């Protein structure tokens, strides 16, 4: 299956003129046998290229390696998306005109970050479909010790060879299911934020995220019922979801309250030091927690209360000295989204918010699906003490100044 990305660009009913760096997405068996053809089709066939692998993928994909003017093989152990590590790799680059990242999610940041800094194209060859970052322009990287999601370089071309992807462990397949089912929450958060704060919204971008969700839900239902894994459908769902981040120039359609659980695990504040898990697993835990909380709140009726900035005492207690400055900056009183609109707007739109929540499947339905697909979805599955489960969402909401229903709770009184 080859996706023509041009149909998504141009003037839109939302008022924006959408752009995409990604010209072509290929999701096929034996796709790498035609890699040079695809490179030529997007105008990169004659460019001097550096191909970046990690040592694990390099060994695993022997016989599938592509032509390169320079190969960089990074040690897989301890490899993470961190500015210091990426910039160290950049010192080894030998005048590339295009960077090709061959591997999983982490390696992609070793392509998109340098490509952005150098002003050259980036090409992605994913070896699994465990998250939706392959077609995104968003780089989730540790900058000065704090996890940040920033716009960098999206791939001009994505070539997903299903002969490689189908060899991924089932755990990674399940992680991919988690990452896309999270759109139940992220899309709901975006709609709610638009209702109460007037945040910009695009039906086309949201519709593409919904399309990815529908594709993955059908594939997950099939996997749960028969054990059969539809690698093509699941991979295409990831690619479509990632494109929404390019089209909107941020991750709004694909990432809401649920995704901040993954950032919490990566940042490891006090009491969460032992938490660990790959991205989709952590997102699955965040999704299930958010779904339970949203349906619980839907049965209540809140009153508005005045906005109060996060206190330095609360931030120090929950995030510790190492993360304190970054969290305080993210939640500065003059920048906090909660201070930009009247909290009464939430109460006035509560019936509509409840209607949005009711489009999310109930928690017991999702739990059954998670179990059948081998997904992780409980705090203890990723090393979080179950006693922290109730406050984990509230703590994680402070990581990003994005309006979600969890963040809205700070200006709501439910009388509990």
Protein backbone atom coordinates (compact mmCIF):
# COMPACT_ATOMS: atom_id res chain seq x y z
CA UNK A 1 0.00 0.00 0.00
CA UNK A 2 1.39 3.37 -1.01
CA UNK A 3 -0.08 6.50 0.54
CA UNK A 4 -0.18 9.65 -1.57
CA UNK A 5 0.21 12.38 1.02
CA UNK A 6 -0.57 15.26 -1.33
CA UNK A 7 -4.32 14.88 -0.81
CA UNK A 8 -4.00 16.23 2.72
CA UNK A 9 -2.18 19.46 1.90
CA UNK A 10 -3.47 22.88 0.91
CA UNK A 11 -6.21 25.25 2.11
CA UNK A 12 -8.61 23.72 4.63
CA UNK A 13 -12.02 24.55 6.06
CA UNK A 14 -10.30 25.11 9.43
CA UNK A 15 -8.67 28.21 7.97
CA UNK A 16 -5.16 26.82 7.75
CA UNK A 17 -3.08 25.96 4.73
CA UNK A 18 -1.79 22.49 5.63
CA UNK A 19 1.68 21.37 4.64
CA UNK A 20 3.51 18.04 4.77
CA UNK A 21 7.19 17.27 4.46
CA UNK A 22 6.29 13.62 3.84
CA UNK A 23 5.71 13.02 0.16
CA UNK A 24 5.22 9.24 0.16
CA UNK A 25 4.54 6.46 2.65
CA UNK A 26 5.12 2.88 1.55
CA UNK A 27 3.74 -0.03 3.62
CA UNK A 28 4.38 -3.25 1.71
CA UNK A 29 6.00 -6.66 1.92
CA UNK A 30 9.51 -6.65 0.42
CA UNK A 31 9.37 -2.85 0.18
CA UNK A 32 13.14 -2.42 0.57
CA UNK A 33 13.77 -4.23 -2.70
CA UNK A 34 12.39 -1.10 -4.39
CA UNK A 35 13.94 1.43 -2.02
CA UNK A 36 16.04 3.13 -4.71
CA UNK A 37 12.96 3.53 -6.86
CA UNK A 38 11.09 5.24 -4.03
CA UNK A 39 14.07 7.49 -3.27
CA UNK A 40 14.17 8.57 -6.90
CA UNK A 41 10.42 9.23 -6.86
CA UNK A 42 10.81 11.82 -4.09
CA UNK A 43 13.93 13.36 -5.65
CA UNK A 44 16.52 11.90 -3.27
CA UNK A 45 18.01 9.13 -5.37
CA UNK A 46 21.24 10.93 -6.22
CA UNK A 47 21.89 12.52 -2.81
CA UNK A 48 24.89 11.63 -0.64
CA UNK A 49 23.39 9.62 2.21
CA UNK A 50 24.26 8.62 5.74
CA UNK A 51 22.30 5.67 7.13
CA UNK A 52 21.96 5.40 10.91
CA UNK A 53 21.25 2.11 12.71
CA UNK A 54 21.58 0.83 16.24
CA UNK A 55 23.73 -2.24 16.72
CA UNK A 56 20.78 -4.53 17.45
CA UNK A 57 18.83 -3.61 14.31
CA UNK A 58 21.99 -3.64 12.21
CA UNK A 59 22.61 -7.27 13.09
CA UNK A 60 18.97 -8.27 12.90
CA UNK A 61 18.44 -6.85 9.40
CA UNK A 62 21.57 -8.23 7.74
CA UNK A 63 20.75 -8.76 4.09
CA UNK A 64 18.25 -5.90 4.10
CA UNK A 65 20.71 -3.03 4.48
CA UNK A 66 20.47 -0.29 1.90
CA UNK A 67 23.18 1.42 -0.11
CA UNK A 68 25.01 4.10 1.88
CA UNK A 69 27.85 6.56 1.46
CA UNK A 70 28.29 6.40 5.21
CA UNK A 71 26.91 4.02 7.86
CA UNK A 72 26.73 4.91 11.53
CA UNK A 73 25.93 2.05 13.91
CA UNK A 74 25.17 3.27 17.42
CA UNK A 75 25.40 0.96 20.45
CA UNK A 76 21.87 -0.21 21.22
CA UNK A 77 22.41 -0.59 24.95
CA UNK A 78 21.52 2.59 26.78
CA UNK A 79 20.56 4.42 23.59
CA UNK A 80 17.93 7.11 24.22
CA UNK A 81 16.64 10.26 22.58
CA UNK A 82 18.75 12.83 24.37
CA UNK A 83 20.31 16.00 23.03
CA UNK A 84 23.81 15.14 24.28
CA UNK A 85 23.84 11.72 22.57
CA UNK A 86 22.37 13.00 19.31
CA UNK A 87 24.76 15.93 19.07
CA UNK A 88 27.69 13.61 19.76
CA UNK A 89 26.60 11.47 16.78
CA UNK A 90 26.39 14.60 14.64
CA UNK A 91 30.14 15.16 15.06
CA UNK A 92 30.69 11.88 13.16
CA UNK A 93 28.60 12.80 10.11
CA UNK A 94 30.46 12.92 6.81
CA UNK A 95 28.78 15.66 4.74
CA UNK A 96 25.41 13.94 4.20
CA UNK A 97 22.81 15.43 1.85
CA UNK A 98 20.12 13.12 3.23
CA UNK A 99 19.89 11.19 6.50
CA UNK A 100 18.25 7.76 6.58
CA UNK A 101 17.17 6.37 9.97
CA UNK A 102 16.80 2.58 9.90
CA UNK A 103 15.23 1.20 13.06
CA UNK A 104 12.73 1.86 15.82
CA UNK A 105 11.43 5.01 17.46
CA UNK A 106 14.59 6.11 19.21
CA UNK A 107 16.71 5.89 16.07
CA UNK A 108 14.19 8.09 14.26
CA UNK A 109 15.14 10.98 16.54
CA UNK A 110 18.76 10.45 15.49
CA UNK A 111 17.53 11.18 11.98
CA UNK A 112 14.97 13.96 12.40
CA UNK A 113 16.95 16.02 14.95
CA UNK A 114 20.22 16.26 12.95
CA UNK A 115 18.31 16.66 9.67
CA UNK A 116 16.50 19.66 11.13
CA UNK A 117 19.71 21.18 12.47
CA UNK A 118 21.53 20.64 9.17
CA UNK A 119 18.61 21.61 6.93
CA UNK A 120 18.66 18.38 4.93
CA UNK A 121 15.97 15.73 4.16
CA UNK A 122 15.33 12.75 6.39
CA UNK A 123 14.06 9.30 5.35
CA UNK A 124 12.56 6.75 7.75
CA UNK A 125 12.78 2.96 7.51
CA UNK A 126 10.81 1.68 10.52
CA UNK A 127 11.50 -1.85 11.71
CA UNK A 128 8.39 -2.11 13.88
CA UNK A 129 5.03 -0.42 14.32
CA UNK A 130 4.88 0.12 18.06
CA UNK A 131 4.11 3.85 17.95
CA UNK A 132 2.97 6.59 15.58
CA UNK A 133 6.10 8.70 15.53
CA UNK A 134 7.52 7.55 12.20
CA UNK A 135 5.59 10.03 10.03
CA UNK A 136 5.62 12.79 12.64
CA UNK A 137 7.64 15.97 12.77
CA UNK A 138 7.60 15.83 16.56
CA UNK A 139 10.82 14.85 18.28
CA UNK A 140 10.28 13.58 21.83
CA UNK A 141 13.72 14.20 23.23
CA UNK A 142 15.34 14.80 26.59
CA UNK A 143 16.64 18.37 26.59
CA UNK A 144 18.71 19.37 29.60
CA UNK A 145 17.22 16.49 31.57
CA UNK A 146 13.54 17.20 30.85
CA UNK A 147 11.39 15.37 28.33
CA UNK A 148 10.20 17.72 25.59
CA UNK A 149 8.14 17.26 22.47
CA UNK A 150 9.44 19.71 19.87
CA UNK A 151 9.01 20.13 16.13
CA UNK A 152 12.01 18.94 14.16
CA UNK A 153 12.15 17.22 10.76
CA UNK A 154 9.52 14.91 9.34
CA UNK A 155 10.59 12.25 6.84
CA UNK A 156 10.33 13.03 3.16
CA UNK A 157 9.82 9.31 2.60
CA UNK A 158 8.79 6.39 4.82
CA UNK A 159 9.42 2.84 3.65
CA UNK A 160 7.95 0.22 5.98
CA UNK A 161 8.95 -3.28 4.89
CA UNK A 162 6.38 -5.65 6.38
CA UNK A 163 8.78 -8.59 6.07
CA UNK A 164 10.84 -6.86 8.76
CA UNK A 165 7.94 -5.48 10.79
CA UNK A 166 6.16 -8.84 11.04
CA UNK A 167 9.22 -10.21 12.86
CA UNK A 168 8.79 -7.84 15.78
CA UNK A 169 7.96 -9.45 19.14
CA UNK A 170 4.28 -9.51 20.06
CA UNK A 171 5.01 -7.13 22.92
CA UNK A 172 5.82 -4.42 20.37
CA UNK A 173 2.69 -5.19 18.37
CA UNK A 174 0.65 -4.78 21.55
CA UNK A 175 2.44 -1.51 22.26
CA UNK A 176 1.35 -0.26 18.84
CA UNK A 177 -2.25 -1.18 19.63
CA UNK A 178 -1.99 0.84 22.84
CA UNK A 179 -0.56 3.89 21.11
CA UNK A 180 -3.40 4.18 18.61
CA UNK A 181 -6.28 3.25 20.93
CA UNK A 182 -5.08 6.26 22.96
CA UNK A 183 -6.79 8.43 20.34
CA UNK A 184 -10.07 7.76 22.13
CA UNK A 185 -8.78 10.12 24.83
CA UNK A 186 -6.67 12.54 22.79
CA UNK A 187 -9.48 13.31 20.35
CA UNK A 188 -11.94 13.76 23.21
CA UNK A 189 -9.54 16.13 24.98
CA UNK A 190 -9.12 18.23 21.83
CA UNK A 191 -12.90 18.53 21.32
CA UNK A 192 -13.44 19.47 24.95
CA UNK A 193 -10.66 22.07 24.87
CA UNK A 194 -12.19 23.66 21.77
CA UNK A 195 -15.57 23.86 23.48
CA UNK A 196 -14.39 25.60 26.62
CA UNK A 197 -11.37 27.65 25.53
CA UNK A 198 -11.90 28.26 21.82
CA UNK A 199 -8.75 26.35 20.93
CA UNK A 200 -8.25 25.91 17.18
CA UNK A 201 -9.66 22.67 15.80
CA UNK A 202 -9.47 20.99 12.40
CA UNK A 203 -12.13 18.44 11.38
CA UNK A 204 -9.86 17.08 8.65
CA UNK A 205 -6.90 16.45 10.98
CA UNK A 206 -9.19 15.03 13.66
CA UNK A 207 -10.85 12.89 11.01
CA UNK A 208 -7.49 11.46 9.94
CA UNK A 209 -6.71 10.57 13.56
CA UNK A 210 -10.15 8.97 13.84
CA UNK A 211 -9.45 7.01 10.66
CA UNK A 212 -6.23 5.69 12.20
CA UNK A 213 -8.16 4.78 15.37
CA UNK A 214 -10.87 2.97 13.42
CA UNK A 215 -8.29 0.98 11.42
CA UNK A 216 -6.46 -0.05 14.58
CA UNK A 217 -9.64 -0.88 16.49
CA UNK A 218 -10.76 -3.22 13.70
CA UNK A 219 -7.32 -4.86 13.62
CA UNK A 220 -7.25 -5.16 17.42
CA UNK A 221 -10.72 -6.73 17.48
CA UNK A 222 -9.53 -9.23 14.86
CA UNK A 223 -6.39 -9.97 16.85
CA UNK A 224 -8.44 -10.45 20.02
CA UNK A 225 -10.90 -12.80 18.32
CA UNK A 226 -8.54 -14.87 16.17
CA UNK A 227 -4.98 -14.16 17.25
CA UNK A 228 -4.22 -13.01 13.71
CA UNK A 229 -2.08 -9.88 13.39
CA UNK A 230 -2.82 -7.61 10.44
CA UNK A 231 0.58 -5.98 10.15
CA UNK A 232 -0.36 -3.91 7.11
CA UNK A 233 -3.45 -2.37 8.74
CA UNK A 234 -1.73 -1.77 12.06
CA UNK A 235 1.29 -0.14 10.42
CA UNK A 236 -0.86 2.07 8.21
CA UNK A 237 -2.83 3.20 11.27
CA UNK A 238 0.45 4.33 12.84
CA UNK A 239 1.46 6.21 9.70
CA UNK A 240 -1.87 8.05 9.39
CA UNK A 241 -1.78 9.06 13.04
CA UNK A 242 1.74 10.41 12.67
CA UNK A 243 0.73 12.55 9.70
CA UNK A 244 -1.74 14.44 11.90
CA UNK A 245 1.21 15.83 13.88
CA UNK A 246 2.75 17.25 10.72
CA UNK A 247 -0.52 18.66 9.42
CA UNK A 248 -1.28 20.45 12.69
CA UNK A 249 2.37 21.15 13.57
CA UNK A 250 1.89 19.62 16.99
CA UNK A 251 0.66 16.36 18.49
CA UNK A 252 -2.80 17.62 19.55
CA UNK A 253 -4.84 15.01 17.65
CA UNK A 254 -2.63 12.13 18.74
CA UNK A 255 -1.68 13.00 22.31
CA UNK A 256 -3.82 14.07 25.25
CA UNK A 257 -3.86 13.37 28.97
CA UNK A 258 -3.04 9.71 28.34
CA UNK A 259 0.33 10.34 26.65
CA UNK A 260 1.69 12.30 29.58
CA UNK A 261 1.92 9.03 31.49
CA UNK A 262 4.73 8.02 29.14
CA UNK A 263 6.56 11.29 29.81
CA UNK A 264 6.12 10.74 33.54
CA UNK A 265 7.78 7.33 33.27
CA UNK A 266 10.64 8.72 31.18
CA UNK A 267 11.28 11.66 33.52
CA UNK A 268 11.14 9.50 36.68
CA UNK A 269 10.14 12.03 39.35
CA UNK A 270 10.12 11.00 43.03
CA UNK A 271 8.17 7.77 43.71
CA UNK A 272 8.21 6.87 40.00
CA UNK A 273 11.90 5.96 39.79
CA UNK A 274 11.19 2.27 39.20
CA UNK A 275 8.64 2.85 36.44
CA UNK A 276 9.66 1.52 33.04
CA UNK A 277 8.11 0.43 29.79
CA UNK A 278 8.20 1.18 26.10
CA UNK A 279 6.24 4.18 24.89
CA UNK A 280 3.01 2.46 23.83
CA UNK A 281 2.83 0.43 27.04
CA UNK A 282 3.04 3.57 29.17
CA UNK A 283 0.47 5.27 26.95
CA UNK A 284 -1.82 2.27 27.40
CA UNK A 285 -1.64 2.69 31.16
CA UNK A 286 -2.41 6.39 30.78
CA UNK A 287 -5.30 5.68 28.42
CA UNK A 288 -6.97 3.16 30.70
CA UNK A 289 -6.56 5.45 33.73
CA UNK A 290 -7.97 8.42 31.81
CA UNK A 291 -10.91 6.43 30.45
CA UNK A 292 -11.86 5.29 33.94
CA UNK A 293 -11.54 8.81 35.32
CA UNK A 294 -13.45 10.48 32.46
CA UNK A 295 -16.39 8.11 32.77
CA UNK A 296 -16.39 8.62 36.54
CA UNK A 297 -16.45 12.40 36.15
CA UNK A 298 -19.24 12.14 33.57
CA UNK A 299 -21.55 10.96 36.33
CA UNK A 300 -20.89 14.09 38.40
CA UNK A 301 -21.71 17.77 37.96
CA UNK A 302 -18.97 20.26 38.84
CA UNK A 303 -18.89 23.86 39.96
CA UNK A 304 -16.25 26.28 38.73
CA UNK A 305 -13.55 27.56 41.04
CA UNK A 306 -10.94 30.27 40.45
CA UNK A 307 -7.71 29.44 38.66
CA UNK A 308 -4.72 29.16 40.97
CA UNK A 309 -1.21 28.52 39.63
CA UNK A 310 0.64 25.45 40.79
CA UNK A 311 2.56 26.20 43.96
CA UNK A 312 6.30 25.81 44.15
CA UNK A 313 5.78 23.52 47.17
CA UNK A 314 3.56 21.15 45.17
CA UNK A 315 5.97 21.07 42.24
CA UNK A 316 8.96 20.40 44.47
CA UNK A 317 7.11 17.62 46.29
CA UNK A 318 5.86 15.90 43.13
CA UNK A 319 8.82 16.45 40.78
CA UNK A 320 11.83 17.03 43.01
CA UNK A 321 14.73 19.42 42.61
CA UNK A 322 16.02 17.89 39.36
CA UNK A 323 12.80 18.63 37.44
CA UNK A 324 11.58 21.63 39.43
CA UNK A 325 12.72 24.47 37.17
CA UNK A 326 11.35 22.92 33.98
CA UNK A 327 7.94 22.16 35.48
CA UNK A 328 7.63 25.62 37.02
CA UNK A 329 8.48 27.20 33.65
CA UNK A 330 5.92 25.01 31.86
CA UNK A 331 3.25 26.09 34.35
CA UNK A 332 4.15 29.77 34.73
CA UNK A 333 1.06 31.73 35.85
CA UNK A 334 1.12 33.99 32.78
CA UNK A 335 1.33 31.00 30.42
CA UNK A 336 -0.89 28.38 32.05
CA UNK A 337 -3.75 27.60 29.67
CA UNK A 338 -6.13 27.39 32.65
CA UNK A 339 -5.69 31.13 33.18
CA UNK A 340 -6.68 31.98 29.60
CA UNK A 341 -10.44 31.37 29.86
CA UNK A 342 -13.27 31.48 32.39
CA UNK A 343 -13.59 28.13 34.24
CA UNK A 344 -17.36 28.66 34.18
CA UNK A 345 -17.14 27.78 30.47
CA UNK A 346 -16.45 24.19 31.48
CA UNK A 347 -19.54 24.04 33.67
CA UNK A 348 -21.69 25.70 31.02
CA UNK A 349 -20.61 23.07 28.47
CA UNK A 350 -20.69 20.13 30.86
CA UNK A 351 -23.55 18.31 29.13
CA UNK A 352 -21.66 18.50 25.83
CA UNK A 353 -18.49 17.31 27.57
CA UNK A 354 -20.41 14.33 28.94
CA UNK A 355 -21.63 13.55 25.41
CA UNK A 356 -18.00 13.55 24.21
CA UNK A 357 -16.93 11.29 27.07
CA UNK A 358 -19.72 8.88 26.19
CA UNK A 359 -18.17 8.36 22.74
CA UNK A 360 -15.23 6.71 24.52
CA UNK A 361 -15.73 2.97 25.08
CA UNK A 362 -16.32 2.03 28.71
CA UNK A 363 -13.33 0.88 30.72
CA UNK A 364 -14.48 -2.74 30.98
CA UNK A 365 -14.74 -2.99 27.18
CA UNK A 366 -11.23 -1.65 26.71
CA UNK A 367 -9.88 -3.85 29.50
CA UNK A 368 -11.19 -6.96 27.77
CA UNK A 369 -9.59 -5.84 24.51
CA UNK A 370 -6.28 -5.03 26.19
CA UNK A 371 -6.18 -8.44 27.83
CA UNK A 372 -6.98 -10.28 24.60
CA UNK A 373 -4.26 -8.36 22.70
CA UNK A 374 -1.63 -8.78 25.42
CA UNK A 375 -1.49 -5.05 26.14
CA UNK A 376 -0.20 -3.51 29.33
CA UNK A 377 -2.74 -1.17 30.90
CA UNK A 378 -2.39 -1.16 34.70
CA UNK A 379 0.16 0.92 36.69
CA UNK A 380 1.80 -2.21 38.10
CA UNK A 381 2.40 -3.43 34.54
CA UNK A 382 4.99 -0.67 34.11
CA UNK A 383 6.42 -0.61 37.63
CA UNK A 384 4.20 2.07 39.17
CA UNK A 385 2.96 1.41 42.68
CA UNK A 386 -0.84 0.94 42.42
CA UNK A 387 -1.24 3.28 45.39
CA UNK A 388 -0.04 6.10 43.10
CA UNK A 389 -2.56 5.35 40.37
CA UNK A 390 -5.12 7.96 41.48
CA UNK A 391 -2.66 10.87 41.50
CA UNK A 392 -0.45 9.80 38.59
CA UNK A 393 -2.73 11.47 36.02
CA UNK A 394 -2.88 14.72 38.00
CA UNK A 395 0.90 14.80 38.38
CA UNK A 396 1.52 14.02 34.74
CA UNK A 397 -0.87 16.82 33.66
CA UNK A 398 1.71 19.33 34.91
CA UNK A 399 4.32 18.09 32.43
CA UNK A 400 2.74 19.85 29.44
CA UNK A 401 0.70 23.04 29.27
CA UNK A 402 -2.03 21.43 27.19
CA UNK A 403 -5.72 21.61 28.02
CA UNK A 404 -7.12 18.19 28.87
CA UNK A 405 -9.97 17.18 31.12
CA UNK A 406 -7.42 16.09 33.73
CA UNK A 407 -5.90 19.58 33.72
CA UNK A 408 -9.37 21.14 33.85
CA UNK A 409 -9.95 19.40 37.20
CA UNK A 410 -7.77 22.08 38.82
CA UNK A 411 -10.53 24.66 38.24
CA UNK A 412 -13.47 22.37 39.01
CA UNK A 413 -15.13 21.42 42.29
CA UNK A 414 -16.94 18.10 42.12
CA UNK A 415 -17.99 18.23 45.76
CA UNK A 416 -16.04 15.10 46.65
